[in-house]
Amino acid sequence: MSHEATSDNPYTRGIAQFVSGLTYEAIPQEVKTRIKLLMLDSLGCALYGADLQWSQMLQKTLGRVDSSQGCQVWGTSQKLSAPHAALINGTQVQGFELDDVHRAGVLHVGAVVLPSLIAISEMNPGMSGKDFITAAVAGYEIGPRVGLCMRPDHIAQGWHSGATLGVFSSAAGAARGLKLDVDKTVHALGIAGTQAAGLMAAQYGAMVKRMHAGRASQSGLYGALLAESGFTGILNVLESEYGGFCTTFSRSQDRFDLKELTAGLGEIWQTMGVALKFYSCVGSNHTTLDAIREMQAEKPFGAKEVKKISVHGSQVTMDHVGWKYAPQGLTSAQLNLPYCIATWLLDGDCFVDQFTEAMVADPARMKLSEVVEVHHDDSITRLGAKFRHKVRVQVTLNDGTQMERTVESARGSEYKFASEKDIVEKFEKLAAKSLPPQQIEALRDAMLGLDSLSDASHIAKLLAR
């Protein structure tokens, strides 16, 4: 391998040109409407996450080492420096497997974009709601494209894509929020990219998995703030043949496609590819839960009637959620497909109330999870990233009844996007954990009416307990 120095960066620069030059007027109305709903959903997730054990540990620990009072920790009365607030707020958005996901790009987008962007709005009062929307769209557009470039092999190799790709979404949103020019945006991306990290082994019960999104948001914030002051980053962070993001985070040259980084920028809007969750578990599980839900609507059955369930899915489904369940904490419960199926069959739901520490080793759920088998279906894997959550689910009941359902896209996905009513209902339900009703209404109205908000720093004030 040649280690010759080169700064050829058509893709990194192409991204920077899009981010720096994006205007509110250039964004289609459907994208503006969609991103307001996506952001509202993320803020609801964060407000629910504020009181979770791991969030509180971060709040207390960072509160001990940081006496700053600059930026709001959402759903609390605490204020910290911008990087620490971003770290905690991103953790809270991603804290309970409730937040959005760009499935093809394999990224939780709101959790990495909003913490850094809202921090920047607090540091620079007077950012208009329209500028906030523009910066958010810049962030939501970029991370998923890096994910599409890297393909599912990136996560199969063991990298937690939400953490590694997330730095680019965060840096893009923060750079646009600061109105950085093209050159400084290149540096923001180059500073953020070298901080990319996150290991998938965290999914087996570790609290640190929750922190990956916050860390990525923080890294993007550092990228934009440092670039603004003239600090330099890797100019060709995405392209460099030696030590670039794509070559380093992929096993071989033919496992990524640089063209995806800028494909359709300004014409195809990846923001429209972001899906929302209506189950409190990892997105890979949702199509299976929908399939069971649909079969139950056809012929009602519960846990006692089930003899066997076989799920046939992609390699990503197998690796990510198809492993044999062992009680190692809430993270493993929310990621494990057999456990989530057992939860649905026993409780008729798989939302926040179903996941408590007391239930992680619940004998009934553990026993029922043993009737679930997850099999790799190569024909689904070969369909590519767009169909990585497609499943064929077979249910055998004790009375001999056999049922089968194939589901390509989950409820709330980009292909079956939820109604504003459903999204607002989810937001209000989650936000009630941290805020009083009047404040929840004010926050909802501010986000849905963001285009006419004169000062985006008002959002942070409405997120304070």
Protein backbone atom coordinates (compact mmCIF):
# COMPACT_ATOMS: atom_id res chain seq x y z
CA MET A 1 0.00 0.00 0.00
CA SER A 2 1.28 3.45 -0.91
CA HIS A 3 1.35 5.96 1.96
CA GLU A 4 2.00 8.97 -0.27
CA ALA A 5 0.50 12.20 1.02
CA THR A 6 -2.39 13.58 -1.03
CA SER A 7 -5.09 16.06 -0.20
CA ASP A 8 -7.44 15.20 -3.07
CA ASN A 9 -10.87 15.59 -1.50
CA PRO A 10 -13.72 15.89 -4.02
CA TYR A 11 -16.20 14.12 -1.72
CA THR A 12 -15.32 15.79 1.57
CA ARG A 13 -15.30 19.15 -0.22
CA GLY A 14 -18.51 18.32 -2.07
CA ILE A 15 -20.22 17.66 1.26
CA ALA A 16 -18.79 20.91 2.67
CA GLN A 17 -20.05 22.89 -0.32
CA PHE A 18 -23.55 21.50 0.14
CA VAL A 19 -23.55 22.14 3.90
CA SER A 20 -22.13 25.64 3.70
CA GLY A 21 -24.30 26.70 0.77
CA LEU A 22 -27.61 25.20 1.90
CA THR A 23 -30.42 27.74 2.21
CA TYR A 24 -33.85 27.48 3.81
CA GLU A 25 -35.46 28.26 0.45
CA ALA A 26 -33.64 25.38 -1.29
CA ILE A 27 -35.17 22.78 1.04
CA PRO A 28 -38.42 21.24 -0.31
CA GLN A 29 -41.50 21.84 1.82
CA GLU A 30 -42.01 18.12 2.47
CA VAL A 31 -38.49 17.93 3.95
CA LYS A 32 -39.14 20.95 6.21
CA THR A 33 -42.40 19.40 7.40
CA ARG A 34 -40.76 16.01 7.97
CA ILE A 35 -37.70 17.27 9.86
CA LYS A 36 -39.84 19.18 12.37
CA LEU A 37 -41.66 15.95 13.23
CA LEU A 38 -38.38 14.02 13.39
CA MET A 39 -36.85 16.62 15.74
CA LEU A 40 -39.95 16.66 17.95
CA ASP A 41 -39.68 12.89 18.27
CA SER A 42 -36.00 13.08 19.28
CA LEU A 43 -36.71 15.69 21.96
CA GLY A 44 -39.45 13.48 23.40
CA CYS A 45 -36.99 10.59 23.56
CA ALA A 46 -34.45 12.81 25.36
CA LEU A 47 -36.98 14.03 27.90
CA TYR A 48 -37.93 10.44 28.69
CA GLY A 49 -34.23 9.58 28.92
CA ALA A 50 -33.36 12.31 31.43
CA ASP A 51 -34.24 10.19 34.47
CA LEU A 52 -32.70 6.94 33.32
CA GLN A 53 -29.95 5.50 35.49
CA TRP A 54 -27.15 5.95 32.96
CA SER A 55 -28.24 9.51 32.14
CA GLN A 56 -28.23 10.41 35.83
CA MET A 57 -24.76 8.92 36.26
CA LEU A 58 -23.48 11.14 33.45
CA GLN A 59 -25.29 14.20 34.84
CA LYS A 60 -23.78 13.70 38.30
CA THR A 61 -20.28 12.74 37.16
CA LEU A 62 -19.91 15.56 34.65
CA GLY A 63 -21.55 17.98 37.08
CA ARG A 64 -18.71 17.24 39.50
CA VAL A 65 -16.00 18.12 36.98
CA ASP A 66 -17.72 20.95 35.10
CA SER A 67 -18.88 24.13 36.82
CA SER A 68 -19.94 25.86 33.57
CA GLN A 69 -23.49 27.09 33.22
CA GLY A 70 -23.60 27.49 29.43
CA CYS A 71 -25.95 24.89 27.99
CA GLN A 72 -29.07 23.06 29.13
CA VAL A 73 -29.14 19.38 30.02
CA TRP A 74 -32.60 18.56 28.66
CA GLY A 75 -35.34 17.53 31.05
CA THR A 76 -33.30 18.72 34.06
CA SER A 77 -32.46 21.99 35.81
CA GLN A 78 -28.74 21.37 35.18
CA LYS A 79 -26.51 23.42 32.89
CA LEU A 80 -23.01 22.43 31.75
CA SER A 81 -20.48 23.41 29.09
CA ALA A 82 -21.60 22.86 25.50
CA PRO A 83 -19.53 19.66 24.92
CA HIS A 84 -20.71 18.03 28.15
CA ALA A 85 -24.33 19.05 27.54
CA ALA A 86 -24.10 17.56 24.03
CA LEU A 87 -22.64 14.33 25.43
CA ILE A 88 -25.46 13.93 27.95
CA ASN A 89 -28.28 15.09 25.66
CA GLY A 90 -27.23 12.72 22.87
CA THR A 91 -27.09 9.90 25.38
CA GLN A 92 -30.60 10.79 26.57
CA VAL A 93 -32.04 10.79 23.03
CA GLN A 94 -30.54 7.34 22.38
CA GLY A 95 -30.99 6.25 25.98
CA PHE A 96 -33.92 3.84 25.61
CA GLU A 97 -33.99 2.59 21.99
CA LEU A 98 -36.89 4.92 21.21
CA ASP A 99 -35.27 7.29 18.74
CA ASP A 100 -35.20 7.56 14.96
CA VAL A 101 -33.11 5.50 12.57
CA HIS A 102 -32.03 5.91 8.96
CA ARG A 103 -32.14 2.20 8.20
CA ALA A 104 -30.21 2.14 4.92
CA GLY A 105 -27.52 4.42 6.37
CA VAL A 106 -27.61 2.64 9.75
CA LEU A 107 -27.68 5.83 11.84
CA HIS A 108 -29.74 7.36 14.67
CA VAL A 109 -29.73 10.88 13.25
CA GLY A 110 -31.51 13.16 15.73
CA ALA A 111 -29.37 11.91 18.62
CA VAL A 112 -26.20 13.20 16.96
CA VAL A 113 -27.45 16.33 15.19
CA LEU A 114 -29.67 18.04 17.77
CA PRO A 115 -27.44 18.08 20.89
CA SER A 116 -24.63 19.96 19.12
CA LEU A 117 -26.95 22.22 17.13
CA ILE A 118 -29.08 23.24 20.13
CA ALA A 119 -25.88 23.92 22.09
CA ILE A 120 -24.74 26.22 19.28
CA SER A 121 -28.11 28.01 19.31
CA GLU A 122 -27.60 28.65 23.04
CA MET A 123 -24.06 29.93 22.52
CA ASN A 124 -25.20 32.22 19.69
CA PRO A 125 -28.60 33.67 20.66
CA GLY A 126 -30.53 35.07 17.76
CA MET A 127 -30.31 32.10 15.36
CA SER A 128 -33.67 32.13 13.57
CA GLY A 129 -35.93 29.10 13.44
CA LYS A 130 -35.40 29.00 9.67
CA ASP A 131 -31.62 28.90 10.13
CA PHE A 132 -32.05 26.17 12.74
CA ILE A 133 -34.10 24.07 10.28
CA THR A 134 -31.49 24.62 7.56
CA ALA A 135 -28.63 23.54 9.84
CA ALA A 136 -30.60 20.51 11.04
CA VAL A 137 -31.30 19.41 7.46
CA ALA A 138 -27.57 19.76 6.66
CA GLY A 139 -26.83 17.39 9.54
CA TYR A 140 -29.61 14.92 8.71
CA GLU A 141 -28.46 14.72 5.07
CA ILE A 142 -24.78 13.93 5.62
CA GLY A 143 -24.43 11.08 8.17
CA PRO A 144 -26.77 8.73 6.29
CA ARG A 145 -24.78 9.29 3.09
CA VAL A 146 -21.60 8.22 4.87
CA GLY A 147 -23.54 5.14 6.01
CA LEU A 148 -24.70 4.39 2.46
CA CYS A 149 -21.08 4.71 1.33
CA MET A 150 -19.86 2.28 4.00
CA ARG A 151 -22.61 -0.32 3.46
CA PRO A 152 -23.71 -2.90 6.08
CA ASP A 153 -20.21 -4.38 6.16
CA HIS A 154 -19.17 -1.49 8.42
CA ILE A 155 -21.43 -2.64 11.27
CA ALA A 156 -20.78 -6.33 10.45
CA GLN A 157 -17.09 -5.62 11.06
CA GLY A 158 -17.97 -4.59 14.63
CA TRP A 159 -18.15 -0.79 14.44
CA HIS A 160 -21.20 0.85 16.01
CA SER A 161 -22.26 2.87 13.00
CA GLY A 162 -24.42 5.29 15.01
CA ALA A 163 -21.25 6.40 16.76
CA THR A 164 -18.81 6.33 13.85
CA LEU A 165 -21.02 7.92 11.17
CA GLY A 166 -22.65 10.24 13.67
CA VAL A 167 -19.65 12.55 13.93
CA PHE A 168 -20.22 13.69 10.33
CA SER A 169 -23.92 14.46 10.85
CA SER A 170 -23.11 16.40 14.01
CA ALA A 171 -20.25 18.33 12.41
CA ALA A 172 -22.34 19.20 9.35
CA GLY A 173 -25.27 20.52 11.41
CA ALA A 174 -23.01 22.43 13.78
CA ALA A 175 -20.93 23.90 10.93
CA ARG A 176 -24.06 25.16 9.18
CA GLY A 177 -25.38 26.47 12.51
CA LEU A 178 -22.19 28.52 12.87
CA LYS A 179 -22.42 29.58 9.18
CA LEU A 180 -18.90 28.31 8.46
CA ASP A 181 -17.58 28.78 4.92
CA VAL A 182 -16.65 25.83 2.71
CA ASP A 183 -12.99 25.64 3.81
CA LYS A 184 -13.83 25.71 7.51
CA THR A 185 -16.60 23.14 7.00
CA VAL A 186 -14.01 20.82 5.39
CA HIS A 187 -11.89 21.21 8.52
CA ALA A 188 -14.92 20.65 10.80
CA LEU A 189 -15.55 17.34 9.02
CA GLY A 190 -11.85 16.48 9.20
CA ILE A 191 -11.66 17.16 12.93
CA ALA A 192 -14.85 15.23 13.63
CA GLY A 193 -13.92 12.25 11.44
CA THR A 194 -10.70 11.48 13.27
CA GLN A 195 -12.68 11.21 16.52
CA ALA A 196 -15.03 8.53 15.14
CA ALA A 197 -15.29 5.51 17.45
CA GLY A 198 -17.73 2.99 18.89
CA LEU A 199 -17.67 -0.79 19.29
CA MET A 200 -20.69 -3.03 18.70
CA ALA A 201 -19.77 -5.32 21.61
CA ALA A 202 -21.39 -2.60 23.73
CA GLN A 203 -24.77 -4.01 22.64
CA TYR A 204 -24.47 -6.98 25.02
CA GLY A 205 -25.56 -5.13 28.13
CA ALA A 206 -23.12 -2.23 28.55
CA MET A 207 -24.38 1.23 29.49
CA VAL A 208 -21.70 2.73 27.27
CA LYS A 209 -23.75 1.81 24.18
CA ARG A 210 -26.17 4.55 25.23
CA MET A 211 -23.33 7.07 25.29
CA HIS A 212 -22.09 6.49 21.74
CA ALA A 213 -24.50 8.97 20.15
CA GLY A 214 -23.71 11.66 22.71
CA ARG A 215 -20.01 11.16 22.13
CA ALA A 216 -20.49 11.47 18.36
CA SER A 217 -22.51 14.66 18.80
CA GLN A 218 -19.80 16.06 21.07
CA SER A 219 -17.10 15.20 18.51
CA GLY A 220 -18.98 17.02 15.75
CA LEU A 221 -19.43 20.02 18.02
CA TYR A 222 -15.69 20.10 18.73
CA GLY A 223 -15.08 19.86 14.99
CA ALA A 224 -17.22 22.89 14.15
CA LEU A 225 -16.08 25.06 17.08
CA LEU A 226 -12.39 24.35 16.50
CA ALA A 227 -12.67 24.86 12.75
CA GLU A 228 -14.39 28.20 13.37
CA SER A 229 -11.30 29.35 15.26
CA GLY A 230 -8.90 28.24 12.50
CA PHE A 231 -7.91 24.80 13.85
CA THR A 232 -7.28 22.39 10.97
CA GLY A 233 -8.51 18.86 10.36
CA ILE A 234 -7.85 16.11 7.81
CA LEU A 235 -8.71 17.72 4.46
CA ASN A 236 -9.50 14.40 2.76
CA VAL A 237 -10.87 12.64 5.82
CA LEU A 238 -13.21 10.49 3.75
CA GLU A 239 -11.00 9.83 0.71
CA SER A 240 -7.47 9.31 2.05
CA GLU A 241 -6.15 5.94 0.88
CA TYR A 242 -4.11 5.55 4.04
CA GLY A 243 -5.82 6.37 7.32
CA GLY A 244 -8.93 7.91 5.79
CA PHE A 245 -12.32 7.15 7.34
CA CYS A 246 -13.52 4.85 4.56
CA THR A 247 -10.35 2.79 4.13
CA THR A 248 -9.78 2.47 7.87
CA PHE A 249 -13.35 1.57 8.84
CA SER A 250 -13.88 -0.92 6.03
CA ARG A 251 -12.14 -4.21 5.43
CA SER A 252 -11.25 -3.54 1.81
CA GLN A 253 -11.56 -0.99 -1.00
CA ASP A 254 -14.47 -2.79 -2.64
CA ARG A 255 -16.53 -2.69 0.57
CA PHE A 256 -17.40 1.02 0.27
CA ASP A 257 -18.54 3.38 -2.49
CA LEU A 258 -17.30 6.98 -2.30
CA LYS A 259 -19.84 8.12 -4.92
CA GLU A 260 -22.63 7.59 -2.35
CA LEU A 261 -21.19 10.44 -0.26
CA THR A 262 -22.44 13.14 -2.60
CA ALA A 263 -24.97 11.21 -4.71
CA GLY A 264 -28.10 13.30 -5.19
CA LEU A 265 -27.09 16.05 -2.76
CA GLY A 266 -29.77 18.73 -3.00
CA GLU A 267 -32.04 16.50 -5.11
CA ILE A 268 -32.54 13.26 -3.17
CA TRP A 269 -33.23 14.11 0.49
CA GLN A 270 -32.02 11.45 2.92
CA THR A 271 -34.01 13.20 5.67
CA MET A 272 -37.06 11.56 4.10
CA GLY A 273 -35.40 8.18 4.72
CA VAL A 274 -35.39 8.57 8.51
CA ALA A 275 -37.82 6.23 10.29
CA LEU A 276 -39.43 6.53 13.72
CA LYS A 277 -39.92 3.85 16.35
CA PHE A 278 -43.12 2.84 18.06
CA TYR A 279 -41.50 -0.01 19.98
CA SER A 280 -38.88 0.66 22.67
CA CYS A 281 -36.28 -1.64 21.16
CA VAL A 282 -33.69 -1.69 18.42
CA GLY A 283 -35.03 -1.04 14.90
CA SER A 284 -34.00 -4.47 13.59
CA ASN A 285 -36.76 -6.01 15.75
CA HIS A 286 -39.67 -3.89 14.53
CA THR A 287 -40.55 -5.72 11.32
CA THR A 288 -40.86 -9.01 13.21
CA LEU A 289 -43.07 -7.43 15.89
CA ASP A 290 -45.24 -5.92 13.15
CA ALA A 291 -45.51 -9.32 11.46
CA ILE A 292 -46.70 -10.95 14.71
CA ARG A 293 -49.08 -8.05 15.32
CA GLU A 294 -50.59 -8.50 11.85
CA MET A 295 -50.98 -12.28 12.35
CA GLN A 296 -52.65 -11.69 15.72
CA ALA A 297 -55.12 -9.33 14.04
CA GLU A 298 -56.00 -12.15 11.66
CA LYS A 299 -56.23 -14.83 14.39
CA PRO A 300 -55.77 -13.70 18.01
CA PHE A 301 -53.16 -15.69 19.93
CA GLY A 302 -51.01 -15.10 22.98
CA ALA A 303 -47.98 -16.59 24.69
CA LYS A 304 -49.81 -19.75 25.84
CA GLU A 305 -50.90 -20.68 22.31
CA VAL A 306 -47.46 -20.45 20.69
CA LYS A 307 -45.42 -23.58 20.03
CA LYS A 308 -42.67 -22.14 17.83
CA ILE A 309 -41.69 -18.93 16.01
CA SER A 310 -39.13 -18.90 13.19
CA VAL A 311 -37.76 -15.59 11.93
CA HIS A 312 -35.86 -15.55 8.64
CA GLY A 313 -33.84 -12.38 8.06
CA SER A 314 -30.68 -10.76 6.78
CA GLN A 315 -27.16 -11.30 8.10
CA VAL A 316 -27.47 -7.94 9.91
CA THR A 317 -30.63 -9.18 11.67
CA MET A 318 -28.82 -12.37 12.68
CA ASP A 319 -25.72 -10.60 14.01
CA HIS A 320 -27.45 -7.60 15.55
CA VAL A 321 -30.45 -9.17 17.29
CA GLY A 322 -30.63 -12.92 16.59
CA TRP A 323 -28.32 -14.21 19.30
CA LYS A 324 -29.45 -16.48 22.17
CA TYR A 325 -30.74 -14.30 24.98
CA ALA A 326 -28.80 -14.02 28.24
CA PRO A 327 -29.80 -11.45 30.88
CA GLN A 328 -26.98 -8.89 30.86
CA GLY A 329 -28.88 -5.66 31.46
CA LEU A 330 -31.53 -3.57 29.74
CA THR A 331 -29.40 -2.93 26.65
CA SER A 332 -29.23 -6.63 25.82
CA ALA A 333 -32.98 -7.00 26.48
CA GLN A 334 -33.87 -4.16 24.11
CA LEU A 335 -31.58 -5.45 21.39
CA ASN A 336 -32.43 -9.14 21.56
CA LEU A 337 -35.16 -10.30 19.17
CA PRO A 338 -36.31 -13.48 20.99
CA TYR A 339 -36.67 -11.47 24.23
CA CYS A 340 -38.67 -8.73 22.51
CA ILE A 341 -40.97 -11.27 20.84
CA ALA A 342 -41.58 -12.91 24.23
CA THR A 343 -42.30 -9.48 25.73
CA TRP A 344 -44.83 -8.68 23.00
CA LEU A 345 -46.61 -12.03 23.37
CA LEU A 346 -46.83 -11.71 27.17
CA ASP A 347 -47.69 -8.00 27.45
CA GLY A 348 -49.25 -7.09 24.11
CA ASP A 349 -46.79 -4.19 23.84
CA CYS A 350 -43.07 -3.49 23.64
CA PHE A 351 -42.84 0.13 24.81
CA VAL A 352 -41.20 1.90 27.75
CA ASP A 353 -43.17 0.21 30.54
CA GLN A 354 -42.10 -3.23 29.34
CA PHE A 355 -38.40 -2.62 29.92
CA THR A 356 -37.36 -2.43 33.55
CA GLU A 357 -34.33 -3.83 35.33
CA ALA A 358 -36.65 -6.24 37.16
CA MET A 359 -37.76 -7.76 33.85
CA VAL A 360 -34.30 -8.41 32.37
CA ALA A 361 -34.16 -11.88 33.93
CA ASP A 362 -37.95 -12.47 34.07
CA PRO A 363 -38.31 -16.29 33.98
CA ALA A 364 -41.50 -16.16 31.89
CA ARG A 365 -39.88 -14.03 29.19
CA MET A 366 -36.70 -16.08 29.21
CA LYS A 367 -38.59 -19.36 28.88
CA LEU A 368 -40.79 -18.03 26.08
CA SER A 369 -37.79 -16.61 24.21
CA GLU A 370 -36.57 -20.20 23.78
CA VAL A 371 -39.39 -21.01 21.34
CA VAL A 372 -37.99 -18.36 18.96
CA GLU A 373 -35.46 -19.32 16.29
CA VAL A 374 -33.70 -16.74 14.11
CA HIS A 375 -32.32 -17.96 10.78
CA HIS A 376 -30.17 -16.27 8.14
CA ASP A 377 -31.88 -15.96 4.76
CA ASP A 378 -29.24 -15.22 2.13
CA SER A 379 -31.88 -14.13 -0.38
CA ILE A 380 -32.78 -11.24 1.98
CA THR A 381 -29.13 -10.31 2.62
CA ARG A 382 -28.55 -10.16 -1.15
CA LEU A 383 -31.30 -7.51 -1.48
CA GLY A 384 -28.87 -5.04 0.15
CA ALA A 385 -29.02 -2.40 2.86
CA LYS A 386 -32.45 -1.07 1.90
CA PHE A 387 -34.04 -4.42 2.83
CA ARG A 388 -31.80 -5.42 5.72
CA HIS A 389 -34.79 -5.41 8.14
CA LYS A 390 -37.04 -7.48 5.88
CA VAL A 391 -38.21 -10.65 7.63
CA ARG A 392 -40.31 -13.73 6.93
CA VAL A 393 -41.92 -14.86 10.16
CA GLN A 394 -43.50 -18.29 10.68
CA VAL A 395 -45.68 -18.96 13.71
CA THR A 396 -46.76 -22.48 14.75
CA LEU A 397 -49.49 -22.66 17.39
CA ASN A 398 -50.13 -25.56 19.77
CA ASP A 399 -53.32 -26.46 17.91
CA GLY A 400 -51.29 -27.06 14.72
CA THR A 401 -52.18 -23.76 13.05
CA GLN A 402 -49.33 -22.40 10.93
CA MET A 403 -49.15 -18.76 9.91
CA GLU A 404 -46.60 -16.82 7.90
CA ARG A 405 -46.07 -13.13 7.22
CA THR A 406 -43.37 -11.22 5.34
CA VAL A 407 -42.76 -7.59 6.35
CA GLU A 408 -40.32 -5.34 4.52
CA SER A 409 -40.86 -2.08 6.40
CA ALA A 410 -41.96 -1.37 9.95
CA ARG A 411 -44.72 0.96 11.05
CA GLY A 412 -43.26 4.47 11.29
CA SER A 413 -40.63 3.65 8.68
CA GLU A 414 -39.83 5.90 5.75
CA TYR A 415 -42.11 3.71 3.62
CA LYS A 416 -45.00 3.75 6.11
CA PHE A 417 -44.34 7.07 7.84
CA ALA A 418 -46.47 7.84 10.88
CA SER A 419 -49.09 10.57 11.06
CA GLU A 420 -48.42 13.87 12.84
CA LYS A 421 -51.06 12.80 15.38
CA ASP A 422 -49.18 9.56 16.22
CA ILE A 423 -45.84 11.36 16.49
CA VAL A 424 -47.23 14.13 18.72
CA GLU A 425 -48.94 11.50 20.89
CA LYS A 426 -45.64 9.63 21.33
CA PHE A 427 -43.79 12.89 22.09
CA GLU A 428 -46.34 13.97 24.72
CA LYS A 429 -46.32 10.54 26.37
CA LEU A 430 -42.52 10.55 26.64
CA ALA A 431 -42.09 14.22 27.58
CA ALA A 432 -44.52 13.81 30.49
CA LYS A 433 -41.72 11.97 32.32
CA SER A 434 -39.82 15.27 32.69
CA LEU A 435 -42.00 18.31 32.01
CA PRO A 436 -45.40 19.70 33.07
CA PRO A 437 -48.27 19.72 30.51
CA GLN A 438 -48.17 23.44 29.66
CA GLN A 439 -44.46 23.33 28.93
CA ILE A 440 -44.88 20.22 26.80
CA GLU A 441 -47.50 22.07 24.74
CA ALA A 442 -45.23 25.12 24.39
CA LEU A 443 -42.32 22.94 23.25
CA ARG A 444 -44.52 21.04 20.80
CA ASP A 445 -45.84 24.30 19.29
CA ALA A 446 -42.36 25.83 19.11
CA MET A 447 -40.97 22.84 17.21
CA LEU A 448 -43.91 22.48 14.83
CA GLY A 449 -43.89 26.26 14.25
CA LEU A 450 -40.12 26.50 14.01
CA ASP A 451 -40.22 28.45 10.74
CA SER A 452 -41.63 31.48 12.56
CA LEU A 453 -39.46 31.23 15.71
CA SER A 454 -37.28 34.35 15.99
CA ASP A 455 -34.67 32.87 18.34
CA ALA A 456 -33.88 29.16 18.36
CA SER A 457 -32.25 29.42 21.81
CA HIS A 458 -35.85 29.43 23.07
CA ILE A 459 -35.91 25.65 22.40
CA ALA A 460 -33.30 24.99 25.10
CA LYS A 461 -35.27 27.07 27.61
CA LEU A 462 -38.36 24.94 26.94
CA LEU A 463 -36.28 21.78 27.52
CA ALA A 464 -35.33 22.88 31.06
CA ARG A 465 -37.14 21.29 33.98
